Amino acid sequence: YNGTLHFIYHTNDALSVGAYYTRDDLDGDNDANTYGIEAGYE
């Protein structure tokens, strides 16, 4: 199972940037926390 929250800032209609946190859980014993940044351009 996993879940992610993204906090996103749209600078204009073409560019978006964000920060996110993800929690992954495999069989209750193999967990991972991920913290990252992201960007998208269209």
PDB file of all heavy atoms in Angstrom:
ATOM      1  N   TYR A   1       0.855  -1.190   0.000  1.00  0.00           N
ATOM      2  CA  TYR A   1       0.000   0.000   0.000  1.00  0.00           C
ATOM      3  C   TYR A   1       0.890   1.238   0.000  1.00  0.00           C
ATOM      4  O   TYR A   1       2.003   1.215   0.533  1.00  0.00           O
ATOM      5  CB  TYR A   1      -0.887   0.045   1.245  1.00  0.00           C
ATOM      6  CG  TYR A   1      -1.661  -1.220   1.515  1.00  0.00           C
ATOM      7  CD1 TYR A   1      -1.091  -2.259   2.257  1.00  0.00           C
ATOM      8  CD2 TYR A   1      -2.957  -1.383   1.032  1.00  0.00           C
ATOM      9  CE1 TYR A   1      -1.794  -3.421   2.499  1.00  0.00           C
ATOM     10  CE2 TYR A   1      -3.676  -2.550   1.287  1.00  0.00           C
ATOM     11  CZ  TYR A   1      -3.087  -3.563   2.021  1.00  0.00           C
ATOM     12  OH  TYR A   1      -3.788  -4.710   2.260  1.00  0.00           O
ATOM     13  N   ASN A   2       0.406   2.317  -0.574  1.00  0.00           N
ATOM     14  CA  ASN A   2       1.112   3.583  -0.394  1.00  0.00           C
ATOM     15  C   ASN A   2       0.150   4.762  -0.471  1.00  0.00           C
ATOM     16  O   ASN A   2      -0.986   4.640  -0.935  1.00  0.00           O
ATOM     17  CB  ASN A   2       2.285   3.747  -1.374  1.00  0.00           C
ATOM     18  CG  ASN A   2       1.852   3.818  -2.828  1.00  0.00           C
ATOM     19  OD1 ASN A   2       0.715   4.105  -3.159  1.00  0.00           O
ATOM     20  ND2 ASN A   2       2.797   3.556  -3.723  1.00  0.00           N
ATOM     21  N   GLY A   3       0.628   5.873   0.036  1.00  0.00           N
ATOM     22  CA  GLY A   3      -0.119   7.121  -0.007  1.00  0.00           C
ATOM     23  C   GLY A   3       0.842   8.284  -0.153  1.00  0.00           C
ATOM     24  O   GLY A   3       1.951   8.261   0.400  1.00  0.00           O
ATOM     25  N   THR A   4       0.439   9.294  -0.918  1.00  0.00           N
ATOM     26  CA  THR A   4       1.299  10.452  -1.183  1.00  0.00           C
ATOM     27  C   THR A   4       0.498  11.742  -1.059  1.00  0.00           C
ATOM     28  O   THR A   4      -0.651  11.803  -1.491  1.00  0.00           O
ATOM     29  CB  THR A   4       1.903  10.383  -2.603  1.00  0.00           C
ATOM     30  OG1 THR A   4       2.642   9.176  -2.755  1.00  0.00           O
ATOM     31  CG2 THR A   4       2.822  11.572  -2.870  1.00  0.00           C
ATOM     32  N   LEU A   5       1.118  12.757  -0.472  1.00  0.00           N
ATOM     33  CA  LEU A   5       0.564  14.106  -0.457  1.00  0.00           C
ATOM     34  C   LEU A   5       1.522  15.032  -1.204  1.00  0.00           C
ATOM     35  O   LEU A   5       2.723  15.060  -0.913  1.00  0.00           O
ATOM     36  CB  LEU A   5       0.380  14.617   0.974  1.00  0.00           C
ATOM     37  CG  LEU A   5      -0.845  14.117   1.747  1.00  0.00           C
ATOM     38  CD1 LEU A   5      -0.826  14.679   3.173  1.00  0.00           C
ATOM     39  CD2 LEU A   5      -2.141  14.506   1.051  1.00  0.00           C
ATOM     40  N   HIS A   6       1.001  15.764  -2.196  1.00  0.00           N
ATOM     41  CA  HIS A   6       1.769  16.750  -2.958  1.00  0.00           C
ATOM     42  C   HIS A   6       1.270  18.147  -2.593  1.00  0.00           C
ATOM     43  O   HIS A   6       0.047  18.385  -2.550  1.00  0.00           O
ATOM     44  CB  HIS A   6       1.557  16.590  -4.469  1.00  0.00           C
ATOM     45  CG  HIS A   6       1.750  15.212  -5.008  1.00  0.00           C
ATOM     46  ND1 HIS A   6       2.814  14.875  -5.816  1.00  0.00           N
ATOM     47  CD2 HIS A   6       0.984  14.102  -4.901  1.00  0.00           C
ATOM     48  CE1 HIS A   6       2.696  13.601  -6.180  1.00  0.00           C
ATOM     49  NE2 HIS A   6       1.587  13.115  -5.645  1.00  0.00           N
ATOM     50  N   PHE A   7       2.193  19.056  -2.365  1.00  0.00           N
ATOM     51  CA  PHE A   7       1.858  20.463  -2.145  1.00  0.00           C
ATOM     52  C   PHE A   7       2.393  21.232  -3.358  1.00  0.00           C
ATOM     53  O   PHE A   7       3.609  21.292  -3.581  1.00  0.00           O
ATOM     54  CB  PHE A   7       2.472  20.949  -0.841  1.00  0.00           C
ATOM     55  CG  PHE A   7       1.987  20.175   0.351  1.00  0.00           C
ATOM     56  CD1 PHE A   7       2.658  19.032   0.776  1.00  0.00           C
ATOM     57  CD2 PHE A   7       0.834  20.555   1.024  1.00  0.00           C
ATOM     58  CE1 PHE A   7       2.203  18.295   1.863  1.00  0.00           C
ATOM     59  CE2 PHE A   7       0.362  19.825   2.108  1.00  0.00           C
ATOM     60  CZ  PHE A   7       1.048  18.696   2.527  1.00  0.00           C
ATOM     61  N   ILE A   8       1.481  21.803  -4.147  1.00  0.00           N
ATOM     62  CA  ILE A   8       1.809  22.253  -5.495  1.00  0.00           C
ATOM     63  C   ILE A   8       1.610  23.758  -5.657  1.00  0.00           C
ATOM     64  O   ILE A   8       0.587  24.312  -5.223  1.00  0.00           O
ATOM     65  CB  ILE A   8       0.923  21.514  -6.531  1.00  0.00           C
ATOM     66  CG1 ILE A   8       1.060  19.996  -6.359  1.00  0.00           C
ATOM     67  CG2 ILE A   8       1.297  21.922  -7.949  1.00  0.00           C
ATOM     68  CD1 ILE A   8       0.012  19.203  -7.104  1.00  0.00           C
ATOM     69  N   TYR A   9       2.584  24.387  -6.308  1.00  0.00           N
ATOM     70  CA  TYR A   9       2.480  25.809  -6.665  1.00  0.00           C
ATOM     71  C   TYR A   9       2.513  25.923  -8.182  1.00  0.00           C
ATOM     72  O   TYR A   9       3.467  25.482  -8.837  1.00  0.00           O
ATOM     73  CB  TYR A   9       3.629  26.615  -6.053  1.00  0.00           C
ATOM     74  CG  TYR A   9       3.514  28.091  -6.339  1.00  0.00           C
ATOM     75  CD1 TYR A   9       2.589  28.884  -5.676  1.00  0.00           C
ATOM     76  CD2 TYR A   9       4.337  28.700  -7.295  1.00  0.00           C
ATOM     77  CE1 TYR A   9       2.473  30.238  -5.942  1.00  0.00           C
ATOM     78  CE2 TYR A   9       4.228  30.047  -7.571  1.00  0.00           C
ATOM     79  CZ  TYR A   9       3.288  30.803  -6.887  1.00  0.00           C
ATOM     80  OH  TYR A   9       3.172  32.147  -7.159  1.00  0.00           O
ATOM     81  N   HIS A  10       1.454  26.492  -8.741  1.00  0.00           N
ATOM     82  CA  HIS A  10       1.359  26.696 -10.188  1.00  0.00           C
ATOM     83  C   HIS A  10       1.865  28.106 -10.514  1.00  0.00           C
ATOM     84  O   HIS A  10       1.183  29.098 -10.229  1.00  0.00           O
ATOM     85  CB  HIS A  10      -0.094  26.533 -10.648  1.00  0.00           C
ATOM     86  CG  HIS A  10      -0.722  25.240 -10.208  1.00  0.00           C
ATOM     87  ND1 HIS A  10      -0.493  24.045 -10.861  1.00  0.00           N
ATOM     88  CD2 HIS A  10      -1.562  24.954  -9.169  1.00  0.00           C
ATOM     89  CE1 HIS A  10      -1.178  23.079 -10.255  1.00  0.00           C
ATOM     90  NE2 HIS A  10      -1.829  23.611  -9.227  1.00  0.00           N
ATOM     91  N   THR A  11       3.053  28.180 -11.074  1.00  0.00           N
ATOM     92  CA  THR A  11       3.630  29.499 -11.346  1.00  0.00           C
ATOM     93  C   THR A  11       2.906  30.204 -12.486  1.00  0.00           C
ATOM     94  O   THR A  11       2.786  31.424 -12.500  1.00  0.00           O
ATOM     95  CB  THR A  11       5.122  29.380 -11.684  1.00  0.00           C
ATOM     96  OG1 THR A  11       5.268  28.611 -12.880  1.00  0.00           O
ATOM     97  CG2 THR A  11       5.874  28.688 -10.558  1.00  0.00           C
ATOM     98  N   ASN A  12       2.440  29.423 -13.457  1.00  0.00           N
ATOM     99  CA  ASN A  12       1.634  29.940 -14.577  1.00  0.00           C
ATOM    100  C   ASN A  12       0.922  28.754 -15.211  1.00  0.00           C
ATOM    101  O   ASN A  12       0.933  27.642 -14.653  1.00  0.00           O
ATOM    102  CB  ASN A  12       2.507  30.693 -15.594  1.00  0.00           C
ATOM    103  CG  ASN A  12       3.711  29.875 -16.051  1.00  0.00           C
ATOM    104  OD1 ASN A  12       3.577  28.697 -16.391  1.00  0.00           O
ATOM    105  ND2 ASN A  12       4.885  30.492 -16.054  1.00  0.00           N
ATOM    106  N   ASP A  13       0.309  28.930 -16.357  1.00  0.00           N
ATOM    107  CA  ASP A  13      -0.440  27.852 -16.996  1.00  0.00           C
ATOM    108  C   ASP A  13       0.455  26.731 -17.515  1.00  0.00           C
ATOM    109  O   ASP A  13      -0.035  25.625 -17.790  1.00  0.00           O
ATOM    110  CB  ASP A  13      -1.277  28.402 -18.158  1.00  0.00           C
ATOM    111  CG  ASP A  13      -2.422  29.275 -17.687  1.00  0.00           C
ATOM    112  OD1 ASP A  13      -2.810  29.134 -16.506  1.00  0.00           O
ATOM    113  OD2 ASP A  13      -2.908  30.102 -18.482  1.00  0.00           O
ATOM    114  N   ALA A  14       1.754  26.995 -17.645  1.00  0.00           N
ATOM    115  CA  ALA A  14       2.659  25.997 -18.220  1.00  0.00           C
ATOM    116  C   ALA A  14       3.520  25.281 -17.191  1.00  0.00           C
ATOM    117  O   ALA A  14       3.873  24.115 -17.379  1.00  0.00           O
ATOM    118  CB  ALA A  14       3.563  26.655 -19.265  1.00  0.00           C
ATOM    119  N   LEU A  15       3.882  25.948 -16.089  1.00  0.00           N
ATOM    120  CA  LEU A  15       4.854  25.413 -15.135  1.00  0.00           C
ATOM    121  C   LEU A  15       4.249  25.237 -13.747  1.00  0.00           C
ATOM    122  O   LEU A  15       3.639  26.155 -13.210  1.00  0.00           O
ATOM    123  CB  LEU A  15       6.067  26.343 -15.052  1.00  0.00           C
ATOM    124  CG  LEU A  15       7.157  25.964 -14.041  1.00  0.00           C
ATOM    125  CD1 LEU A  15       7.809  24.638 -14.422  1.00  0.00           C
ATOM    126  CD2 LEU A  15       8.207  27.071 -13.955  1.00  0.00           C
ATOM    127  N   SER A  16       4.457  24.048 -13.173  1.00  0.00           N
ATOM    128  CA  SER A  16       4.046  23.756 -11.801  1.00  0.00           C
ATOM    129  C   SER A  16       5.222  23.134 -11.064  1.00  0.00           C
ATOM    130  O   SER A  16       5.971  22.331 -11.626  1.00  0.00           O
ATOM    131  CB  SER A  16       2.860  22.784 -11.772  1.00  0.00           C
ATOM    132  OG  SER A  16       1.721  23.333 -12.396  1.00  0.00           O
ATOM    133  N   VAL A  17       5.392  23.497  -9.791  1.00  0.00           N
ATOM    134  CA  VAL A  17       6.434  22.919  -8.949  1.00  0.00           C
ATOM    135  C   VAL A  17       5.787  22.444  -7.654  1.00  0.00           C
ATOM    136  O   VAL A  17       4.719  22.925  -7.267  1.00  0.00           O
ATOM    137  CB  VAL A  17       7.558  23.936  -8.653  1.00  0.00           C
ATOM    138  CG1 VAL A  17       8.280  24.329  -9.920  1.00  0.00           C
ATOM    139  CG2 VAL A  17       7.007  25.177  -7.953  1.00  0.00           C
ATOM    140  N   GLY A  18       6.435  21.480  -6.984  1.00  0.00           N
ATOM    141  CA  GLY A  18       5.824  20.959  -5.777  1.00  0.00           C
ATOM    142  C   GLY A  18       6.811  20.249  -4.871  1.00  0.00           C
ATOM    143  O   GLY A  18       7.956  19.992  -5.232  1.00  0.00           O
ATOM    144  N   ALA A  19       6.314  19.930  -3.667  1.00  0.00           N
ATOM    145  CA  ALA A  19       7.026  19.104  -2.706  1.00  0.00           C
ATOM    146  C   ALA A  19       6.065  18.017  -2.256  1.00  0.00           C
ATOM    147  O   ALA A  19       4.856  18.235  -2.195  1.00  0.00           O
ATOM    148  CB  ALA A  19       7.501  19.937  -1.517  1.00  0.00           C
ATOM    149  N   TYR A  20       6.588  16.836  -1.936  1.00  0.00           N
ATOM    150  CA  TYR A  20       5.694  15.736  -1.606  1.00  0.00           C
ATOM    151  C   TYR A  20       6.291  14.803  -0.554  1.00  0.00           C
ATOM    152  O   TYR A  20       7.502  14.781  -0.312  1.00  0.00           O
ATOM    153  CB  TYR A  20       5.336  14.931  -2.858  1.00  0.00           C
ATOM    154  CG  TYR A  20       6.503  14.233  -3.519  1.00  0.00           C
ATOM    155  CD1 TYR A  20       6.868  12.940  -3.178  1.00  0.00           C
ATOM    156  CD2 TYR A  20       7.261  14.882  -4.496  1.00  0.00           C
ATOM    157  CE1 TYR A  20       7.937  12.303  -3.777  1.00  0.00           C
ATOM    158  CE2 TYR A  20       8.328  14.259  -5.113  1.00  0.00           C
ATOM    159  CZ  TYR A  20       8.661  12.963  -4.748  1.00  0.00           C
ATOM    160  OH  TYR A  20       9.732  12.345  -5.336  1.00  0.00           O
ATOM    161  N   TYR A  21       5.389  14.035   0.069  1.00  0.00           N
ATOM    162  CA  TYR A  21       5.766  12.995   1.029  1.00  0.00           C
ATOM    163  C   TYR A  21       5.015  11.723   0.665  1.00  0.00           C
ATOM    164  O   TYR A  21       3.810  11.757   0.399  1.00  0.00           O
ATOM    165  CB  TYR A  21       5.404  13.405   2.456  1.00  0.00           C
ATOM    166  CG  TYR A  21       5.390  12.241   3.424  1.00  0.00           C
ATOM    167  CD1 TYR A  21       6.579  11.676   3.874  1.00  0.00           C
ATOM    168  CD2 TYR A  21       4.193  11.684   3.860  1.00  0.00           C
ATOM    169  CE1 TYR A  21       6.576  10.592   4.744  1.00  0.00           C
ATOM    170  CE2 TYR A  21       4.173  10.603   4.729  1.00  0.00           C
ATOM    171  CZ  TYR A  21       5.372  10.058   5.175  1.00  0.00           C
ATOM    172  OH  TYR A  21       5.364   8.988   6.024  1.00  0.00           O
ATOM    173  N   THR A  22       5.720  10.592   0.652  1.00  0.00           N
ATOM    174  CA  THR A  22       5.116   9.300   0.339  1.00  0.00           C
ATOM    175  C   THR A  22       5.454   8.282   1.421  1.00  0.00           C
ATOM    176  O   THR A  22       6.583   8.250   1.935  1.00  0.00           O
ATOM    177  CB  THR A  22       5.628   8.763  -1.013  1.00  0.00           C
ATOM    178  OG1 THR A  22       5.271   9.658  -2.054  1.00  0.00           O
ATOM    179  CG2 THR A  22       5.026   7.387  -1.315  1.00  0.00           C
ATOM    180  N   ARG A  23       4.477   7.450   1.748  1.00  0.00           N
ATOM    181  CA  ARG A  23       4.693   6.314   2.645  1.00  0.00           C
ATOM    182  C   ARG A  23       4.348   5.034   1.891  1.00  0.00           C
ATOM    183  O   ARG A  23       3.232   4.882   1.387  1.00  0.00           O
ATOM    184  CB  ARG A  23       3.804   6.444   3.874  1.00  0.00           C
ATOM    185  CG  ARG A  23       3.853   5.242   4.829  1.00  0.00           C
ATOM    186  CD  ARG A  23       5.087   5.269   5.709  1.00  0.00           C
ATOM    187  NE  ARG A  23       5.043   4.197   6.718  1.00  0.00           N
ATOM    188  CZ  ARG A  23       5.863   4.126   7.757  1.00  0.00           C
ATOM    189  NH1 ARG A  23       6.787   5.052   7.927  1.00  0.00           N
ATOM    190  NH2 ARG A  23       5.763   3.136   8.620  1.00  0.00           N
ATOM    191  N   ASP A  24       5.325   4.127   1.764  1.00  0.00           N
ATOM    192  CA  ASP A  24       5.110   2.813   1.167  1.00  0.00           C
ATOM    193  C   ASP A  24       5.143   1.754   2.258  1.00  0.00           C
ATOM    194  O   ASP A  24       5.966   1.826   3.181  1.00  0.00           O
ATOM    195  CB  ASP A  24       6.207   2.494   0.146  1.00  0.00           C
ATOM    196  CG  ASP A  24       6.089   3.298  -1.128  1.00  0.00           C
ATOM    197  OD1 ASP A  24       5.261   2.940  -1.981  1.00  0.00           O
ATOM    198  OD2 ASP A  24       6.826   4.297  -1.262  1.00  0.00           O
ATOM    199  N   ASP A  25       4.271   0.753   2.131  1.00  0.00           N
ATOM    200  CA  ASP A  25       4.198  -0.326   3.113  1.00  0.00           C
ATOM    201  C   ASP A  25       3.986  -1.636   2.362  1.00  0.00           C
ATOM    202  O   ASP A  25       2.980  -1.803   1.674  1.00  0.00           O
ATOM    203  CB  ASP A  25       3.029  -0.061   4.069  1.00  0.00           C
ATOM    204  CG  ASP A  25       2.907  -1.107   5.167  1.00  0.00           C
ATOM    205  OD1 ASP A  25       3.595  -2.145   5.073  1.00  0.00           O
ATOM    206  OD2 ASP A  25       2.117  -0.912   6.111  1.00  0.00           O
ATOM    207  N   LEU A  26       4.938  -2.564   2.489  1.00  0.00           N
ATOM    208  CA  LEU A  26       4.829  -3.874   1.856  1.00  0.00           C
ATOM    209  C   LEU A  26       4.800  -4.934   2.942  1.00  0.00           C
ATOM    210  O   LEU A  26       5.772  -5.125   3.679  1.00  0.00           O
ATOM    211  CB  LEU A  26       6.008  -4.119   0.911  1.00  0.00           C
ATOM    212  CG  LEU A  26       6.008  -5.465   0.162  1.00  0.00           C
ATOM    213  CD1 LEU A  26       4.782  -5.585  -0.742  1.00  0.00           C
ATOM    214  CD2 LEU A  26       7.285  -5.623  -0.658  1.00  0.00           C
ATOM    215  N   ASP A  27       3.651  -5.589   3.086  1.00  0.00           N
ATOM    216  CA  ASP A  27       3.475  -6.679   4.044  1.00  0.00           C
ATOM    217  C   ASP A  27       3.692  -6.236   5.492  1.00  0.00           C
ATOM    218  O   ASP A  27       4.032  -7.054   6.350  1.00  0.00           O
ATOM    219  CB  ASP A  27       4.425  -7.846   3.706  1.00  0.00           C
ATOM    220  CG  ASP A  27       4.110  -9.103   4.508  1.00  0.00           C
ATOM    221  OD1 ASP A  27       2.922  -9.340   4.812  1.00  0.00           O
ATOM    222  OD2 ASP A  27       5.053  -9.838   4.869  1.00  0.00           O
ATOM    223  N   GLY A  28       3.547  -4.955   5.778  1.00  0.00           N
ATOM    224  CA  GLY A  28       3.628  -4.479   7.153  1.00  0.00           C
ATOM    225  C   GLY A  28       5.018  -4.444   7.752  1.00  0.00           C
ATOM    226  O   GLY A  28       5.211  -3.943   8.859  1.00  0.00           O
ATOM    227  N   ASP A  29       6.030  -4.987   7.044  1.00  0.00           N
ATOM    228  CA  ASP A  29       7.379  -5.061   7.604  1.00  0.00           C
ATOM    229  C   ASP A  29       8.421  -4.321   6.779  1.00  0.00           C
ATOM    230  O   ASP A  29       9.560  -4.177   7.213  1.00  0.00           O
ATOM    231  CB  ASP A  29       7.825  -6.529   7.734  1.00  0.00           C
ATOM    232  CG  ASP A  29       6.951  -7.316   8.700  1.00  0.00           C
ATOM    233  OD1 ASP A  29       6.603  -6.749   9.746  1.00  0.00           O
ATOM    234  OD2 ASP A  29       6.630  -8.469   8.395  1.00  0.00           O
ATOM    235  N   ASN A  30       8.056  -3.890   5.589  1.00  0.00           N
ATOM    236  CA  ASN A  30       9.012  -3.234   4.702  1.00  0.00           C
ATOM    237  C   ASN A  30       8.468  -1.854   4.342  1.00  0.00           C
ATOM    238  O   ASN A  30       7.855  -1.663   3.301  1.00  0.00           O
ATOM    239  CB  ASN A  30       9.234  -4.077   3.441  1.00  0.00           C
ATOM    240  CG  ASN A  30       9.777  -5.456   3.751  1.00  0.00           C
ATOM    241  OD1 ASN A  30      10.962  -5.612   4.023  1.00  0.00           O
ATOM    242  ND2 ASN A  30       8.910  -6.466   3.730  1.00  0.00           N
ATOM    243  N   ASP A  31       8.705  -0.904   5.232  1.00  0.00           N
ATOM    244  CA  ASP A  31       8.171   0.444   5.073  1.00  0.00           C
ATOM    245  C   ASP A  31       9.241   1.392   4.561  1.00  0.00           C
ATOM    246  O   ASP A  31      10.434   1.213   4.806  1.00  0.00           O
ATOM    247  CB  ASP A  31       7.641   0.987   6.403  1.00  0.00           C
ATOM    248  CG  ASP A  31       6.508   0.134   6.960  1.00  0.00           C
ATOM    249  OD1 ASP A  31       5.905  -0.612   6.173  1.00  0.00           O
ATOM    250  OD2 ASP A  31       6.247   0.219   8.172  1.00  0.00           O
ATOM    251  N   ALA A  32       8.783   2.419   3.844  1.00  0.00           N
ATOM    252  CA  ALA A  32       9.711   3.441   3.344  1.00  0.00           C
ATOM    253  C   ALA A  32       9.020   4.793   3.359  1.00  0.00           C
ATOM    254  O   ALA A  32       7.846   4.903   3.001  1.00  0.00           O
ATOM    255  CB  ALA A  32      10.171   3.109   1.932  1.00  0.00           C
ATOM    256  N   ASN A  33       9.735   5.817   3.803  1.00  0.00           N
ATOM    257  CA  ASN A  33       9.278   7.199   3.754  1.00  0.00           C
ATOM    258  C   ASN A  33      10.086   7.937   2.694  1.00  0.00           C
ATOM    259  O   ASN A  33      11.310   7.837   2.661  1.00  0.00           O
ATOM    260  CB  ASN A  33       9.481   7.896   5.106  1.00  0.00           C
ATOM    261  CG  ASN A  33       8.619   7.290   6.196  1.00  0.00           C
ATOM    262  OD1 ASN A  33       7.445   7.007   5.982  1.00  0.00           O
ATOM    263  ND2 ASN A  33       9.192   7.081   7.372  1.00  0.00           N
ATOM    264  N   THR A  34       9.398   8.680   1.851  1.00  0.00           N
ATOM    265  CA  THR A  34      10.063   9.407   0.766  1.00  0.00           C
ATOM    266  C   THR A  34       9.676  10.878   0.815  1.00  0.00           C
ATOM    267  O   THR A  34       8.496  11.203   0.942  1.00  0.00           O
ATOM    268  CB  THR A  34       9.675   8.829  -0.610  1.00  0.00           C
ATOM    269  OG1 THR A  34       9.955   7.434  -0.634  1.00  0.00           O
ATOM    270  CG2 THR A  34      10.443   9.514  -1.718  1.00  0.00           C
ATOM    271  N   TYR A  35      10.685  11.749   0.714  1.00  0.00           N
ATOM    272  CA  TYR A  35      10.471  13.197   0.702  1.00  0.00           C
ATOM    273  C   TYR A  35      11.111  13.746  -0.569  1.00  0.00           C
ATOM    274  O   TYR A  35      12.283  13.469  -0.833  1.00  0.00           O
ATOM    275  CB  TYR A  35      11.122  13.859   1.922  1.00  0.00           C
ATOM    276  CG  TYR A  35      10.780  13.198   3.237  1.00  0.00           C
ATOM    277  CD1 TYR A  35      11.509  12.099   3.691  1.00  0.00           C
ATOM    278  CD2 TYR A  35       9.729  13.672   4.019  1.00  0.00           C
ATOM    279  CE1 TYR A  35      11.205  11.485   4.901  1.00  0.00           C
ATOM    280  CE2 TYR A  35       9.417  13.070   5.226  1.00  0.00           C
ATOM    281  CZ  TYR A  35      10.159  11.974   5.661  1.00  0.00           C
ATOM    282  OH  TYR A  35       9.840  11.368   6.856  1.00  0.00           O
ATOM    283  N   GLY A  36      10.335  14.501  -1.355  1.00  0.00           N
ATOM    284  CA  GLY A  36      10.913  14.951  -2.605  1.00  0.00           C
ATOM    285  C   GLY A  36      10.364  16.251  -3.123  1.00  0.00           C
ATOM    286  O   GLY A  36       9.436  16.839  -2.564  1.00  0.00           O
ATOM    287  N   ILE A  37      10.969  16.708  -4.215  1.00  0.00           N
ATOM    288  CA  ILE A  37      10.508  17.884  -4.938  1.00  0.00           C
ATOM    289  C   ILE A  37      10.242  17.464  -6.377  1.00  0.00           C
ATOM    290  O   ILE A  37      10.814  16.473  -6.863  1.00  0.00           O
ATOM    291  CB  ILE A  37      11.524  19.043  -4.879  1.00  0.00           C
ATOM    292  CG1 ILE A  37      12.885  18.605  -5.398  1.00  0.00           C
ATOM    293  CG2 ILE A  37      11.635  19.589  -3.468  1.00  0.00           C
ATOM    294  CD1 ILE A  37      13.909  19.723  -5.490  1.00  0.00           C
ATOM    295  N   GLU A  38       9.384  18.212  -7.070  1.00  0.00           N
ATOM    296  CA  GLU A  38       8.973  17.832  -8.412  1.00  0.00           C
ATOM    297  C   GLU A  38       8.622  19.064  -9.224  1.00  0.00           C
ATOM    298  O   GLU A  38       8.372  20.143  -8.664  1.00  0.00           O
ATOM    299  CB  GLU A  38       7.761  16.883  -8.343  1.00  0.00           C
ATOM    300  CG  GLU A  38       6.595  17.475  -7.579  1.00  0.00           C
ATOM    301  CD  GLU A  38       5.543  16.439  -7.194  1.00  0.00           C
ATOM    302  OE1 GLU A  38       5.534  15.329  -7.768  1.00  0.00           O
ATOM    303  OE2 GLU A  38       4.723  16.748  -6.308  1.00  0.00           O
ATOM    304  N   ALA A  39       8.611  18.894 -10.530  1.00  0.00           N
ATOM    305  CA  ALA A  39       8.252  19.997 -11.420  1.00  0.00           C
ATOM    306  C   ALA A  39       7.674  19.434 -12.702  1.00  0.00           C
ATOM    307  O   ALA A  39       8.036  18.333 -13.135  1.00  0.00           O
ATOM    308  CB  ALA A  39       9.471  20.873 -11.731  1.00  0.00           C
ATOM    309  N   GLY A  40       6.749  20.190 -13.287  1.00  0.00           N
ATOM    310  CA  GLY A  40       6.166  19.783 -14.554  1.00  0.00           C
ATOM    311  C   GLY A  40       6.006  20.982 -15.466  1.00  0.00           C
ATOM    312  O   GLY A  40       5.653  22.076 -15.013  1.00  0.00           O
ATOM    313  N   TYR A  41       6.281  20.776 -16.749  1.00  0.00           N
ATOM    314  CA  TYR A  41       6.185  21.867 -17.724  1.00  0.00           C
ATOM    315  C   TYR A  41       5.427  21.354 -18.941  1.00  0.00           C
ATOM    316  O   TYR A  41       5.706  20.265 -19.449  1.00  0.00           O
ATOM    317  CB  TYR A  41       7.584  22.335 -18.142  1.00  0.00           C
ATOM    318  CG  TYR A  41       7.581  23.531 -19.062  1.00  0.00           C
ATOM    319  CD1 TYR A  41       7.274  24.800 -18.588  1.00  0.00           C
ATOM    320  CD2 TYR A  41       7.872  23.385 -20.422  1.00  0.00           C
ATOM    321  CE1 TYR A  41       7.263  25.898 -19.431  1.00  0.00           C
ATOM    322  CE2 TYR A  41       7.868  24.487 -21.265  1.00  0.00           C
ATOM    323  CZ  TYR A  41       7.556  25.739 -20.760  1.00  0.00           C
ATOM    324  OH  TYR A  41       7.529  26.827 -21.605  1.00  0.00           O
ATOM    325  N   GLU A  42       4.468  22.119 -19.397  1.00  0.00           N
ATOM    326  CA  GLU A  42       3.653  21.714 -20.533  1.00  0.00           C
ATOM    327  C   GLU A  42       3.530  22.863 -21.514  1.00  0.00           C
ATOM    328  O   GLU A  42       3.169  23.982 -21.133  1.00  0.00           O
ATOM    329  CB  GLU A  42       2.268  21.283 -20.048  1.00  0.00           C
ATOM    330  CG  GLU A  42       1.397  20.664 -21.125  1.00  0.00           C
ATOM    331  CD  GLU A  42       0.118  20.074 -20.562  1.00  0.00           C
ATOM    332  OE1 GLU A  42       0.150  19.554 -19.428  1.00  0.00           O
ATOM    333  OE2 GLU A  42      -0.915  20.143 -21.255  1.00  0.00           O
TER     334      GLU A  42
END
